[in-house]
Amino acid sequence: MASTYSPELHSLAKLGDSILNCVVSAALSLINGKPVGVKVSDKTLRREIAKLRISLKPRVPREDLAEALVAYIWLNGVRIDELIEKTVSMSEKADIGEVTRCLLRYCLEQAVKTKQGKEFLNHYMEF
């Protein structure tokens, strides 16, 4: 689904889609002890971001925010290997939803640590 909210969100979401799929696939591979390649569906992203009880501003697609958040964090210096390590350490089971939710939770934790991250979140979320 293309974002109806802003071109910036849509651009970040396109990049974040690739990063998110890479991190979730790598985390599941490490948890399972064998290679796993996944494409996290928009349905899964919507469900997992909803479980984090995030309130979005009108017309902000949950899946776009999830993917944009991952891209934003990476563009602001959090390395992919760190995202993978933290996601694995936070995950209790080898479930695509659980792993995705842990990645998103970690990205949110990182975003609120900086003024710019808080501004990014405030642009798309209601607190």
N, C-alpha and C. Protein backbone atom coordinates (compact mmCIF):
# COMPACT_ATOMS: atom_id res chain seq x y z
N MET A 1 0.85 -1.17 0.00
CA MET A 1 0.00 0.00 0.00
C MET A 1 0.89 1.23 0.00
N ALA A 2 0.66 2.12 -0.92
CA ALA A 2 1.43 3.35 -0.97
C ALA A 2 0.93 4.30 0.11
N SER A 3 1.86 4.96 0.75
CA SER A 3 1.49 5.89 1.81
C SER A 3 0.72 7.08 1.24
N THR A 4 -0.38 7.41 1.90
CA THR A 4 -1.12 8.62 1.53
C THR A 4 -0.72 9.77 2.43
N TYR A 5 0.24 9.55 3.29
CA TYR A 5 0.59 10.57 4.28
C TYR A 5 1.65 11.52 3.79
N SER A 6 2.79 11.02 3.37
CA SER A 6 3.85 11.91 2.92
C SER A 6 4.84 11.16 2.05
N PRO A 7 5.45 11.87 1.10
CA PRO A 7 6.48 11.24 0.26
C PRO A 7 7.67 10.75 1.10
N GLU A 8 8.02 11.50 2.15
CA GLU A 8 9.14 11.09 3.01
C GLU A 8 8.86 9.74 3.65
N LEU A 9 7.66 9.57 4.20
CA LEU A 9 7.30 8.30 4.83
C LEU A 9 7.35 7.18 3.81
N HIS A 10 6.82 7.42 2.63
CA HIS A 10 6.80 6.38 1.59
C HIS A 10 8.22 6.00 1.18
N SER A 11 9.10 6.98 1.00
CA SER A 11 10.49 6.69 0.61
C SER A 11 11.21 5.90 1.70
N LEU A 12 11.04 6.32 2.94
CA LEU A 12 11.66 5.57 4.04
C LEU A 12 11.10 4.16 4.13
N ALA A 13 9.80 4.01 3.90
CA ALA A 13 9.17 2.69 3.97
C ALA A 13 9.72 1.76 2.90
N LYS A 14 9.98 2.28 1.72
CA LYS A 14 10.53 1.45 0.64
C LYS A 14 11.91 0.90 1.03
N LEU A 15 12.74 1.76 1.59
CA LEU A 15 14.06 1.32 2.06
C LEU A 15 13.91 0.38 3.25
N GLY A 16 13.06 0.77 4.18
CA GLY A 16 12.87 -0.02 5.39
C GLY A 16 12.34 -1.41 5.13
N ASP A 17 11.57 -1.59 4.07
CA ASP A 17 11.05 -2.90 3.71
C ASP A 17 12.20 -3.89 3.53
N SER A 18 13.21 -3.48 2.80
CA SER A 18 14.37 -4.36 2.56
C SER A 18 15.16 -4.62 3.84
N ILE A 19 15.39 -3.58 4.61
CA ILE A 19 16.15 -3.73 5.85
C ILE A 19 15.39 -4.62 6.83
N LEU A 20 14.10 -4.38 6.99
CA LEU A 20 13.29 -5.16 7.92
C LEU A 20 13.30 -6.64 7.54
N ASN A 21 13.11 -6.94 6.25
CA ASN A 21 13.11 -8.34 5.82
C ASN A 21 14.47 -9.00 6.05
N CYS A 22 15.54 -8.27 5.82
CA CYS A 22 16.89 -8.78 6.07
C CYS A 22 17.09 -9.09 7.55
N VAL A 23 16.73 -8.15 8.41
CA VAL A 23 16.94 -8.32 9.85
C VAL A 23 16.08 -9.46 10.40
N VAL A 24 14.82 -9.51 10.01
CA VAL A 24 13.94 -10.57 10.50
C VAL A 24 14.42 -11.93 10.00
N SER A 25 14.83 -12.02 8.74
CA SER A 25 15.34 -13.28 8.19
C SER A 25 16.61 -13.73 8.93
N ALA A 26 17.53 -12.79 9.15
CA ALA A 26 18.78 -13.13 9.86
C ALA A 26 18.50 -13.54 11.29
N ALA A 27 17.61 -12.82 11.97
CA ALA A 27 17.28 -13.16 13.36
C ALA A 27 16.64 -14.55 13.44
N LEU A 28 15.69 -14.82 12.55
CA LEU A 28 15.07 -16.15 12.55
C LEU A 28 16.09 -17.23 12.23
N SER A 29 17.04 -16.95 11.34
CA SER A 29 18.09 -17.91 11.02
C SER A 29 18.94 -18.22 12.24
N LEU A 30 19.30 -17.20 12.99
CA LEU A 30 20.11 -17.41 14.19
C LEU A 30 19.32 -18.16 15.27
N ILE A 31 18.07 -17.80 15.45
CA ILE A 31 17.24 -18.47 16.45
C ILE A 31 17.01 -19.94 16.09
N ASN A 32 16.75 -20.20 14.81
CA ASN A 32 16.47 -21.57 14.34
C ASN A 32 17.73 -22.40 14.13
N GLY A 33 18.87 -21.75 13.98
CA GLY A 33 20.10 -22.48 13.71
C GLY A 33 20.21 -22.97 12.29
N LYS A 34 19.40 -22.43 11.39
CA LYS A 34 19.47 -22.78 9.97
C LYS A 34 18.96 -21.58 9.16
N PRO A 35 19.39 -21.50 7.91
CA PRO A 35 19.00 -20.35 7.09
C PRO A 35 17.48 -20.25 6.90
N VAL A 36 16.98 -19.03 7.07
CA VAL A 36 15.56 -18.74 6.87
C VAL A 36 15.47 -17.41 6.12
N GLY A 37 14.68 -17.39 5.07
CA GLY A 37 14.44 -16.15 4.34
C GLY A 37 12.96 -15.86 4.33
N VAL A 38 12.59 -14.70 4.82
CA VAL A 38 11.17 -14.35 4.89
C VAL A 38 10.91 -12.97 4.30
N LYS A 39 9.68 -12.79 3.89
CA LYS A 39 9.14 -11.48 3.51
C LYS A 39 8.04 -11.21 4.51
N VAL A 40 8.23 -10.21 5.36
CA VAL A 40 7.23 -9.88 6.37
C VAL A 40 6.07 -9.18 5.65
N SER A 41 4.90 -9.76 5.78
CA SER A 41 3.73 -9.22 5.07
C SER A 41 3.23 -7.93 5.73
N ASP A 42 2.51 -7.14 4.94
CA ASP A 42 1.90 -5.93 5.48
C ASP A 42 0.93 -6.28 6.61
N LYS A 43 0.24 -7.40 6.46
CA LYS A 43 -0.70 -7.85 7.50
C LYS A 43 0.04 -8.09 8.82
N THR A 44 1.19 -8.75 8.74
CA THR A 44 1.99 -9.00 9.95
C THR A 44 2.48 -7.68 10.54
N LEU A 45 2.94 -6.77 9.70
CA LEU A 45 3.41 -5.47 10.20
C LEU A 45 2.29 -4.71 10.90
N ARG A 46 1.10 -4.70 10.30
CA ARG A 46 -0.04 -4.00 10.92
C ARG A 46 -0.38 -4.62 12.27
N ARG A 47 -0.39 -5.95 12.32
CA ARG A 47 -0.73 -6.65 13.56
C ARG A 47 0.31 -6.39 14.65
N GLU A 48 1.57 -6.46 14.31
CA GLU A 48 2.62 -6.33 15.32
C GLU A 48 2.77 -4.90 15.80
N ILE A 49 2.60 -3.92 14.94
CA ILE A 49 2.69 -2.53 15.40
C ILE A 49 1.48 -2.22 16.27
N ALA A 50 0.33 -2.83 15.98
CA ALA A 50 -0.86 -2.64 16.82
C ALA A 50 -0.63 -3.23 18.21
N LYS A 51 0.07 -4.36 18.29
CA LYS A 51 0.37 -4.98 19.59
C LYS A 51 1.26 -4.09 20.45
N LEU A 52 2.02 -3.21 19.82
CA LEU A 52 2.86 -2.28 20.57
C LEU A 52 2.06 -1.08 21.07
N ARG A 53 0.78 -1.05 20.75
CA ARG A 53 -0.16 0.00 21.19
C ARG A 53 0.29 1.39 20.77
N ILE A 54 0.66 1.48 19.52
CA ILE A 54 1.07 2.76 18.95
C ILE A 54 -0.14 3.41 18.30
N SER A 55 -0.38 4.64 18.64
CA SER A 55 -1.49 5.41 18.06
C SER A 55 -0.94 6.27 16.93
N LEU A 56 -1.44 6.05 15.74
CA LEU A 56 -0.95 6.79 14.59
C LEU A 56 -1.88 7.95 14.25
N LYS A 57 -1.30 8.96 13.64
CA LYS A 57 -2.10 10.07 13.15
C LYS A 57 -2.95 9.56 11.97
N PRO A 58 -4.04 10.26 11.66
CA PRO A 58 -4.90 9.83 10.55
C PRO A 58 -4.13 9.66 9.24
N ARG A 59 -4.51 8.67 8.49
CA ARG A 59 -3.96 8.37 7.16
C ARG A 59 -2.53 7.86 7.17
N VAL A 60 -1.97 7.50 8.31
CA VAL A 60 -0.62 6.94 8.36
C VAL A 60 -0.77 5.42 8.39
N PRO A 61 -0.42 4.74 7.30
CA PRO A 61 -0.52 3.28 7.28
C PRO A 61 0.47 2.65 8.26
N ARG A 62 -0.02 1.73 9.09
CA ARG A 62 0.83 1.08 10.09
C ARG A 62 2.04 0.42 9.45
N GLU A 63 1.83 -0.27 8.34
CA GLU A 63 2.95 -0.98 7.71
C GLU A 63 3.99 0.00 7.19
N ASP A 64 3.58 1.15 6.67
CA ASP A 64 4.55 2.15 6.21
C ASP A 64 5.35 2.72 7.38
N LEU A 65 4.66 2.98 8.49
CA LEU A 65 5.38 3.50 9.65
C LEU A 65 6.40 2.48 10.16
N ALA A 66 6.00 1.22 10.22
CA ALA A 66 6.92 0.18 10.70
C ALA A 66 8.18 0.12 9.86
N GLU A 67 8.00 0.09 8.54
CA GLU A 67 9.15 0.01 7.64
C GLU A 67 9.97 1.30 7.67
N ALA A 68 9.30 2.44 7.71
CA ALA A 68 10.01 3.72 7.75
C ALA A 68 10.82 3.86 9.04
N LEU A 69 10.28 3.38 10.13
CA LEU A 69 10.98 3.45 11.41
C LEU A 69 12.30 2.68 11.35
N VAL A 70 12.27 1.50 10.78
CA VAL A 70 13.49 0.69 10.66
C VAL A 70 14.52 1.42 9.78
N ALA A 71 14.07 1.97 8.67
CA ALA A 71 14.99 2.72 7.80
C ALA A 71 15.55 3.95 8.51
N TYR A 72 14.69 4.67 9.22
CA TYR A 72 15.12 5.87 9.93
C TYR A 72 16.22 5.53 10.94
N ILE A 73 16.03 4.48 11.68
CA ILE A 73 17.02 4.07 12.69
C ILE A 73 18.34 3.71 12.03
N TRP A 74 18.27 2.96 10.94
CA TRP A 74 19.49 2.56 10.23
C TRP A 74 20.20 3.79 9.66
N LEU A 75 19.45 4.68 9.04
CA LEU A 75 20.05 5.89 8.46
C LEU A 75 20.68 6.79 9.53
N ASN A 76 20.25 6.63 10.76
CA ASN A 76 20.79 7.44 11.85
C ASN A 76 21.81 6.70 12.70
N GLY A 77 22.42 5.68 12.11
CA GLY A 77 23.61 5.11 12.71
C GLY A 77 23.51 3.78 13.43
N VAL A 78 22.33 3.21 13.53
CA VAL A 78 22.23 1.89 14.17
C VAL A 78 22.50 0.85 13.09
N ARG A 79 23.57 0.10 13.29
CA ARG A 79 24.01 -0.88 12.29
C ARG A 79 23.06 -2.08 12.20
N ILE A 80 23.04 -2.70 11.04
CA ILE A 80 22.18 -3.86 10.83
C ILE A 80 22.56 -5.00 11.77
N ASP A 81 23.86 -5.20 12.00
CA ASP A 81 24.25 -6.29 12.91
C ASP A 81 23.74 -6.03 14.33
N GLU A 82 23.68 -4.76 14.74
CA GLU A 82 23.12 -4.43 16.05
C GLU A 82 21.62 -4.72 16.08
N LEU A 83 20.93 -4.36 15.00
CA LEU A 83 19.50 -4.64 14.92
C LEU A 83 19.23 -6.15 15.02
N ILE A 84 20.04 -6.93 14.35
CA ILE A 84 19.89 -8.38 14.39
C ILE A 84 20.16 -8.91 15.79
N GLU A 85 21.28 -8.51 16.39
CA GLU A 85 21.65 -8.99 17.72
C GLU A 85 20.58 -8.65 18.77
N LYS A 86 20.11 -7.40 18.76
CA LYS A 86 19.10 -6.98 19.74
C LYS A 86 17.79 -7.70 19.52
N THR A 87 17.41 -7.89 18.26
CA THR A 87 16.16 -8.59 17.95
C THR A 87 16.22 -10.03 18.44
N VAL A 88 17.34 -10.69 18.21
CA VAL A 88 17.50 -12.08 18.68
C VAL A 88 17.43 -12.13 20.20
N SER A 89 18.12 -11.22 20.87
CA SER A 89 18.16 -11.24 22.34
C SER A 89 16.80 -10.92 22.96
N MET A 90 15.96 -10.17 22.26
CA MET A 90 14.65 -9.80 22.78
C MET A 90 13.56 -10.84 22.45
N SER A 91 13.82 -11.70 21.49
CA SER A 91 12.80 -12.65 21.02
C SER A 91 12.76 -13.89 21.89
N GLU A 92 11.55 -14.27 22.27
CA GLU A 92 11.37 -15.47 23.09
C GLU A 92 11.15 -16.73 22.27
N LYS A 93 10.74 -16.56 21.00
CA LYS A 93 10.52 -17.73 20.16
C LYS A 93 10.78 -17.38 18.70
N ALA A 94 10.94 -18.42 17.90
CA ALA A 94 11.23 -18.25 16.47
C ALA A 94 9.93 -18.09 15.70
N ASP A 95 9.29 -16.97 15.90
CA ASP A 95 8.01 -16.67 15.26
C ASP A 95 8.16 -15.36 14.52
N ILE A 96 7.73 -15.31 13.27
CA ILE A 96 7.93 -14.10 12.47
C ILE A 96 7.28 -12.87 13.11
N GLY A 97 6.12 -13.05 13.71
CA GLY A 97 5.46 -11.93 14.38
C GLY A 97 6.22 -11.45 15.59
N GLU A 98 6.63 -12.40 16.42
CA GLU A 98 7.40 -12.07 17.63
C GLU A 98 8.70 -11.36 17.27
N VAL A 99 9.42 -11.89 16.30
CA VAL A 99 10.70 -11.31 15.91
C VAL A 99 10.50 -9.90 15.32
N THR A 100 9.47 -9.75 14.51
CA THR A 100 9.16 -8.44 13.93
C THR A 100 8.82 -7.43 15.03
N ARG A 101 8.00 -7.85 15.98
CA ARG A 101 7.62 -6.96 17.09
C ARG A 101 8.83 -6.56 17.91
N CYS A 102 9.73 -7.48 18.16
CA CYS A 102 10.95 -7.16 18.93
C CYS A 102 11.82 -6.15 18.17
N LEU A 103 11.94 -6.33 16.87
CA LEU A 103 12.70 -5.37 16.06
C LEU A 103 12.06 -3.98 16.14
N LEU A 104 10.76 -3.91 15.98
CA LEU A 104 10.07 -2.62 16.03
C LEU A 104 10.18 -1.98 17.41
N ARG A 105 10.08 -2.79 18.46
CA ARG A 105 10.21 -2.25 19.82
C ARG A 105 11.61 -1.66 20.02
N TYR A 106 12.63 -2.36 19.56
CA TYR A 106 13.99 -1.86 19.69
C TYR A 106 14.18 -0.56 18.91
N CYS A 107 13.63 -0.49 17.70
CA CYS A 107 13.74 0.72 16.90
C CYS A 107 13.04 1.90 17.58
N LEU A 108 11.90 1.65 18.17
CA LEU A 108 11.20 2.72 18.92
C LEU A 108 12.05 3.19 20.09
N GLU A 109 12.64 2.24 20.82
CA GLU A 109 13.50 2.59 21.96
C GLU A 109 14.67 3.46 21.51
N GLN A 110 15.23 3.15 20.35
CA GLN A 110 16.35 3.94 19.84
C GLN A 110 15.89 5.32 19.39
N ALA A 111 14.73 5.40 18.75
CA ALA A 111 14.23 6.68 18.23
C ALA A 111 13.98 7.68 19.35
N VAL A 112 13.45 7.24 20.47
CA VAL A 112 13.10 8.19 21.54
C VAL A 112 14.33 8.67 22.31
N LYS A 113 15.49 8.16 21.99
CA LYS A 113 16.71 8.58 22.68
C LYS A 113 17.25 9.92 22.16
N THR A 114 16.78 10.35 21.00
CA THR A 114 17.29 11.59 20.43
C THR A 114 16.15 12.57 20.14
N LYS A 115 16.49 13.83 20.12
CA LYS A 115 15.50 14.87 19.81
C LYS A 115 14.96 14.65 18.39
N GLN A 116 15.85 14.36 17.44
CA GLN A 116 15.42 14.15 16.06
C GLN A 116 14.52 12.92 15.95
N GLY A 117 14.85 11.88 16.69
CA GLY A 117 14.03 10.67 16.68
C GLY A 117 12.63 10.93 17.23
N LYS A 118 12.58 11.70 18.31
CA LYS A 118 11.28 12.06 18.88
C LYS A 118 10.47 12.89 17.90
N GLU A 119 11.13 13.81 17.21
CA GLU A 119 10.44 14.64 16.21
C GLU A 119 9.91 13.77 15.06
N PHE A 120 10.69 12.81 14.63
CA PHE A 120 10.25 11.88 13.58
C PHE A 120 8.98 11.15 14.03
N LEU A 121 9.02 10.61 15.23
CA LEU A 121 7.87 9.87 15.75
C LEU A 121 6.66 10.79 15.93
N ASN A 122 6.87 11.99 16.45
CA ASN A 122 5.77 12.93 16.66
C ASN A 122 5.08 13.31 15.36
N HIS A 123 5.80 13.27 14.27
CA HIS A 123 5.24 13.62 12.97
C HIS A 123 4.18 12.61 12.53
N TYR A 124 4.32 11.35 12.96
CA TYR A 124 3.45 10.28 12.47
C TYR A 124 2.60 9.63 13.56
N MET A 125 2.95 9.86 14.81
CA MET A 125 2.26 9.19 15.90
C MET A 125 1.59 10.18 16.83
N GLU A 126 0.57 9.70 17.54
CA GLU A 126 -0.08 10.50 18.57
C GLU A 126 0.30 9.92 19.92
N PHE A 127 0.69 10.79 20.82
CA PHE A 127 1.09 10.33 22.16
C PHE A 127 0.07 10.75 23.18
